[in-house]
Amino acid sequence: MSEHHHDHPHEHGEARWKHDGVRVIPGNQLDANTAQTPGMDRKAAINFARVGAQKLWAGTVSIHPDAKTGAHHHGHLESVIYVVKGRARMRWGEHLEFTAEAGPGDFIYVPPYVPHQEINASPTEVLECVLCRSDGQAVAVNLDIEPVEKPEQVLWIDPTHPHGGV
């Protein structure tokens, strides 16, 4: 059998990866045609429709000063939120009775099916976040929950807040 009959991975590499390789999505070309929740502006960068992503959804979220989203969850998806600018207050639970805050550089993890609400804790600054989810399709299930007046505060304990912090 001669060498040219073998299909080596490096053969035809340029043609193979040119359109199915790395993709750059410019920040000014994000897609607002995605699942929305009142009070929040979601824009998709990486999803199945745009790049063929099977297991990830990524995009941006912005919330105006003093704004609060409606209560919602994301079905079976896991979510990670990275705060770029501003101050995020998260409420979660069956009655949104728990709360924690995050600032620039902080990551927030939201497990599947957890009812939650994002709040911009700043009266003057837009809250800007990057959002990643564990599926190529966006899911947002909006809920009709009346938030409690004084949520219980949960201190975040992590390497930068070893004794709990807000």
C-alpha atoms as a PDB file:
ATOM      1  CA  MET A   1       0.000   0.000   0.000  1.00  0.00           C
ATOM      2  CA  SER A   2       1.550   3.281  -1.016  1.00  0.00           C
ATOM      3  CA  GLU A   3       1.871   6.284   1.297  1.00  0.00           C
ATOM      4  CA  HIS A   4      -0.575   8.488  -0.591  1.00  0.00           C
ATOM      5  CA  HIS A   5      -3.543   6.231   0.183  1.00  0.00           C
ATOM      6  CA  HIS A   6      -3.343   6.945   3.904  1.00  0.00           C
ATOM      7  CA  ASP A   7      -5.472   9.823   5.150  1.00  0.00           C
ATOM      8  CA  HIS A   8      -3.212  11.551   7.653  1.00  0.00           C
ATOM      9  CA  PRO A   9      -4.779  14.220   9.876  1.00  0.00           C
ATOM     10  CA  HIS A  10      -2.265  16.803   8.647  1.00  0.00           C
ATOM     11  CA  GLU A  11      -3.249  16.253   5.031  1.00  0.00           C
ATOM     12  CA  HIS A  12      -5.723  18.752   3.612  1.00  0.00           C
ATOM     13  CA  GLY A  13      -5.437  20.602   6.932  1.00  0.00           C
ATOM     14  CA  GLU A  14      -5.884  24.050   5.453  1.00  0.00           C
ATOM     15  CA  ALA A  15      -9.059  23.151   3.592  1.00  0.00           C
ATOM     16  CA  ARG A  16     -10.368  21.071   6.490  1.00  0.00           C
ATOM     17  CA  TRP A  17     -10.081  23.760   9.167  1.00  0.00           C
ATOM     18  CA  LYS A  18     -10.529  26.953   7.161  1.00  0.00           C
ATOM     19  CA  HIS A  19     -14.284  27.169   7.783  1.00  0.00           C
ATOM     20  CA  ASP A  20     -14.569  24.710  10.693  1.00  0.00           C
ATOM     21  CA  GLY A  21     -11.724  25.993  12.844  1.00  0.00           C
ATOM     22  CA  VAL A  22     -11.280  28.891  15.209  1.00  0.00           C
ATOM     23  CA  ARG A  23     -13.898  31.631  14.952  1.00  0.00           C
ATOM     24  CA  VAL A  24     -13.614  35.214  16.153  1.00  0.00           C
ATOM     25  CA  ILE A  25     -16.911  36.931  16.914  1.00  0.00           C
ATOM     26  CA  PRO A  26     -16.427  40.723  17.007  1.00  0.00           C
ATOM     27  CA  GLY A  27     -17.994  42.386  20.029  1.00  0.00           C
ATOM     28  CA  ASN A  28     -20.079  44.666  17.831  1.00  0.00           C
ATOM     29  CA  GLN A  29     -21.632  41.712  15.973  1.00  0.00           C
ATOM     30  CA  LEU A  30     -23.387  39.902  18.816  1.00  0.00           C
ATOM     31  CA  ASP A  31     -26.896  38.593  18.251  1.00  0.00           C
ATOM     32  CA  ALA A  32     -29.778  39.946  20.364  1.00  0.00           C
ATOM     33  CA  ASN A  33     -32.116  37.329  18.864  1.00  0.00           C
ATOM     34  CA  THR A  34     -31.861  35.025  21.903  1.00  0.00           C
ATOM     35  CA  ALA A  35     -33.958  34.108  24.938  1.00  0.00           C
ATOM     36  CA  GLN A  36     -34.699  37.288  26.895  1.00  0.00           C
ATOM     37  CA  THR A  37     -35.785  38.100  30.419  1.00  0.00           C
ATOM     38  CA  PRO A  38     -37.415  41.436  31.326  1.00  0.00           C
ATOM     39  CA  GLY A  39     -34.889  43.992  32.621  1.00  0.00           C
ATOM     40  CA  MET A  40     -31.869  42.380  30.980  1.00  0.00           C
ATOM     41  CA  ASP A  41     -30.247  42.669  27.558  1.00  0.00           C
ATOM     42  CA  ARG A  42     -28.729  39.339  26.463  1.00  0.00           C
ATOM     43  CA  LYS A  43     -26.627  39.033  23.318  1.00  0.00           C
ATOM     44  CA  ALA A  44     -25.261  35.787  21.922  1.00  0.00           C
ATOM     45  CA  ALA A  45     -21.683  35.463  20.703  1.00  0.00           C
ATOM     46  CA  ILE A  46     -21.188  31.691  20.676  1.00  0.00           C
ATOM     47  CA  ASN A  47     -24.110  29.340  20.140  1.00  0.00           C
ATOM     48  CA  PHE A  48     -25.266  26.535  17.888  1.00  0.00           C
ATOM     49  CA  ALA A  49     -26.886  28.810  15.312  1.00  0.00           C
ATOM     50  CA  ARG A  50     -23.841  31.062  14.881  1.00  0.00           C
ATOM     51  CA  VAL A  51     -20.853  28.723  15.103  1.00  0.00           C
ATOM     52  CA  GLY A  52     -22.252  25.224  15.544  1.00  0.00           C
ATOM     53  CA  ALA A  53     -21.440  25.043  19.275  1.00  0.00           C
ATOM     54  CA  GLN A  54     -22.823  21.805  20.700  1.00  0.00           C
ATOM     55  CA  LYS A  55     -22.116  22.144  24.416  1.00  0.00           C
ATOM     56  CA  LEU A  56     -21.655  25.872  25.053  1.00  0.00           C
ATOM     57  CA  TRP A  57     -23.549  29.146  24.795  1.00  0.00           C
ATOM     58  CA  ALA A  58     -21.664  32.377  25.460  1.00  0.00           C
ATOM     59  CA  GLY A  59     -22.588  35.995  25.229  1.00  0.00           C
ATOM     60  CA  THR A  60     -22.969  39.241  27.100  1.00  0.00           C
ATOM     61  CA  VAL A  61     -25.513  40.569  29.541  1.00  0.00           C
ATOM     62  CA  SER A  62     -26.086  44.185  30.462  1.00  0.00           C
ATOM     63  CA  ILE A  63     -28.449  45.539  33.084  1.00  0.00           C
ATOM     64  CA  HIS A  64     -29.202  49.244  33.423  1.00  0.00           C
ATOM     65  CA  PRO A  65     -28.510  51.090  36.708  1.00  0.00           C
ATOM     66  CA  ASP A  66     -30.945  50.189  39.505  1.00  0.00           C
ATOM     67  CA  ALA A  67     -32.640  47.640  37.206  1.00  0.00           C
ATOM     68  CA  LYS A  68     -33.756  44.158  38.236  1.00  0.00           C
ATOM     69  CA  THR A  69     -34.563  41.228  35.995  1.00  0.00           C
ATOM     70  CA  GLY A  70     -37.638  39.120  36.361  1.00  0.00           C
ATOM     71  CA  ALA A  71     -37.275  35.835  38.239  1.00  0.00           C
ATOM     72  CA  HIS A  72     -36.213  33.015  35.927  1.00  0.00           C
ATOM     73  CA  HIS A  73     -34.204  29.831  35.611  1.00  0.00           C
ATOM     74  CA  HIS A  74     -32.319  28.173  32.771  1.00  0.00           C
ATOM     75  CA  GLY A  75     -33.709  24.654  32.805  1.00  0.00           C
ATOM     76  CA  HIS A  76     -31.068  21.919  32.739  1.00  0.00           C
ATOM     77  CA  LEU A  77     -28.263  24.361  31.895  1.00  0.00           C
ATOM     78  CA  GLU A  78     -25.411  25.389  34.153  1.00  0.00           C
ATOM     79  CA  SER A  79     -24.456  29.061  33.933  1.00  0.00           C
ATOM     80  CA  VAL A  80     -21.292  30.987  34.704  1.00  0.00           C
ATOM     81  CA  ILE A  81     -21.407  34.781  34.899  1.00  0.00           C
ATOM     82  CA  TYR A  82     -18.234  36.873  34.892  1.00  0.00           C
ATOM     83  CA  VAL A  83     -18.676  40.468  36.057  1.00  0.00           C
ATOM     84  CA  VAL A  84     -16.795  42.888  33.795  1.00  0.00           C
ATOM     85  CA  LYS A  85     -18.107  46.193  35.133  1.00  0.00           C
ATOM     86  CA  GLY A  86     -20.480  47.280  37.873  1.00  0.00           C
ATOM     87  CA  ARG A  87     -21.992  45.533  40.872  1.00  0.00           C
ATOM     88  CA  ALA A  88     -24.196  42.445  40.578  1.00  0.00           C
ATOM     89  CA  ARG A  89     -26.623  41.357  43.258  1.00  0.00           C
ATOM     90  CA  MET A  90     -28.008  37.864  42.791  1.00  0.00           C
ATOM     91  CA  ARG A  91     -31.154  36.642  44.502  1.00  0.00           C
ATOM     92  CA  TRP A  92     -32.137  32.989  44.378  1.00  0.00           C
ATOM     93  CA  GLY A  93     -34.377  30.367  45.969  1.00  0.00           C
ATOM     94  CA  GLU A  94     -38.037  29.403  45.772  1.00  0.00           C
ATOM     95  CA  HIS A  95     -38.929  32.908  47.012  1.00  0.00           C
ATOM     96  CA  LEU A  96     -35.637  34.598  46.005  1.00  0.00           C
ATOM     97  CA  GLU A  97     -34.844  34.602  49.720  1.00  0.00           C
ATOM     98  CA  PHE A  98     -31.047  34.346  49.397  1.00  0.00           C
ATOM     99  CA  THR A  99     -28.688  37.034  48.170  1.00  0.00           C
ATOM    100  CA  ALA A 100     -25.028  37.604  47.351  1.00  0.00           C
ATOM    101  CA  GLU A 101     -23.074  40.289  45.496  1.00  0.00           C
ATOM    102  CA  ALA A 102     -20.263  40.250  42.965  1.00  0.00           C
ATOM    103  CA  GLY A 103     -18.032  42.899  41.428  1.00  0.00           C
ATOM    104  CA  PRO A 104     -15.576  43.181  38.539  1.00  0.00           C
ATOM    105  CA  GLY A 105     -13.398  40.079  38.228  1.00  0.00           C
ATOM    106  CA  ASP A 106     -15.809  37.865  40.194  1.00  0.00           C
ATOM    107  CA  PHE A 107     -17.411  34.716  38.795  1.00  0.00           C
ATOM    108  CA  ILE A 108     -20.958  33.591  39.646  1.00  0.00           C
ATOM    109  CA  TYR A 109     -22.136  29.981  39.201  1.00  0.00           C
ATOM    110  CA  VAL A 110     -25.842  29.234  38.764  1.00  0.00           C
ATOM    111  CA  PRO A 111     -26.836  25.534  38.922  1.00  0.00           C
ATOM    112  CA  PRO A 112     -29.626  24.048  36.776  1.00  0.00           C
ATOM    113  CA  TYR A 113     -33.254  24.900  37.620  1.00  0.00           C
ATOM    114  CA  VAL A 114     -32.373  27.396  40.402  1.00  0.00           C
ATOM    115  CA  PRO A 115     -34.876  30.280  40.401  1.00  0.00           C
ATOM    116  CA  HIS A 116     -32.890  33.515  40.418  1.00  0.00           C
ATOM    117  CA  GLN A 117     -32.948  37.227  39.741  1.00  0.00           C
ATOM    118  CA  GLU A 118     -30.094  39.494  38.665  1.00  0.00           C
ATOM    119  CA  ILE A 119     -30.047  42.990  40.132  1.00  0.00           C
ATOM    120  CA  ASN A 120     -27.814  45.911  39.251  1.00  0.00           C
ATOM    121  CA  ALA A 121     -26.753  47.036  42.726  1.00  0.00           C
ATOM    122  CA  SER A 122     -25.403  50.353  41.408  1.00  0.00           C
ATOM    123  CA  PRO A 123     -27.706  53.355  40.998  1.00  0.00           C
ATOM    124  CA  THR A 124     -25.398  54.944  38.400  1.00  0.00           C
ATOM    125  CA  GLU A 125     -23.307  52.323  36.575  1.00  0.00           C
ATOM    126  CA  VAL A 126     -24.388  49.792  33.953  1.00  0.00           C
ATOM    127  CA  LEU A 127     -23.747  46.188  34.995  1.00  0.00           C
ATOM    128  CA  GLU A 128     -21.828  44.388  32.250  1.00  0.00           C
ATOM    129  CA  CYS A 129     -21.209  40.647  32.378  1.00  0.00           C
ATOM    130  CA  VAL A 130     -20.020  37.782  30.202  1.00  0.00           C
ATOM    131  CA  LEU A 131     -22.244  34.724  30.358  1.00  0.00           C
ATOM    132  CA  CYS A 132     -21.454  31.088  29.496  1.00  0.00           C
ATOM    133  CA  ARG A 133     -23.909  28.177  29.535  1.00  0.00           C
ATOM    134  CA  SER A 134     -23.529  24.434  29.181  1.00  0.00           C
ATOM    135  CA  ASP A 135     -25.467  23.977  25.923  1.00  0.00           C
ATOM    136  CA  GLY A 136     -25.459  25.458  22.434  1.00  0.00           C
ATOM    137  CA  GLN A 137     -29.106  26.482  22.779  1.00  0.00           C
ATOM    138  CA  ALA A 138     -30.263  29.279  25.079  1.00  0.00           C
ATOM    139  CA  VAL A 139     -32.952  28.446  27.622  1.00  0.00           C
ATOM    140  CA  ALA A 140     -34.670  31.012  29.837  1.00  0.00           C
ATOM    141  CA  VAL A 141     -37.832  30.122  31.751  1.00  0.00           C
ATOM    142  CA  ASN A 142     -39.402  33.251  33.222  1.00  0.00           C
ATOM    143  CA  LEU A 143     -41.114  32.702  36.569  1.00  0.00           C
ATOM    144  CA  ASP A 144     -43.893  34.510  38.421  1.00  0.00           C
ATOM    145  CA  ILE A 145     -42.295  34.866  41.871  1.00  0.00           C
ATOM    146  CA  GLU A 146     -42.867  37.702  44.303  1.00  0.00           C
ATOM    147  CA  PRO A 147     -39.481  38.448  45.901  1.00  0.00           C
ATOM    148  CA  VAL A 148     -39.285  38.672  49.672  1.00  0.00           C
ATOM    149  CA  GLU A 149     -38.589  42.074  51.178  1.00  0.00           C
ATOM    150  CA  LYS A 150     -35.432  41.269  53.131  1.00  0.00           C
ATOM    151  CA  PRO A 151     -33.535  38.368  51.592  1.00  0.00           C
ATOM    152  CA  GLU A 152     -31.153  36.393  53.771  1.00  0.00           C
ATOM    153  CA  GLN A 153     -27.574  37.321  52.951  1.00  0.00           C
ATOM    154  CA  VAL A 154     -25.170  34.514  52.087  1.00  0.00           C
ATOM    155  CA  LEU A 155     -21.500  35.395  52.448  1.00  0.00           C
ATOM    156  CA  TRP A 156     -19.392  34.134  49.574  1.00  0.00           C
ATOM    157  CA  ILE A 157     -16.457  32.068  50.796  1.00  0.00           C
ATOM    158  CA  ASP A 158     -13.761  31.552  48.193  1.00  0.00           C
ATOM    159  CA  PRO A 159      -9.997  32.138  47.923  1.00  0.00           C
ATOM    160  CA  THR A 160     -10.430  35.929  47.767  1.00  0.00           C
ATOM    161  CA  HIS A 161     -13.029  35.998  50.561  1.00  0.00           C
ATOM    162  CA  PRO A 162     -11.787  33.226  52.944  1.00  0.00           C
ATOM    163  CA  HIS A 163     -13.897  34.539  55.833  1.00  0.00           C
ATOM    164  CA  GLY A 164     -16.962  35.363  53.755  1.00  0.00           C
ATOM    165  CA  GLY A 165     -17.517  38.571  51.865  1.00  0.00           C
ATOM    166  CA  VAL A 166     -19.958  40.521  49.806  1.00  0.00           C
END
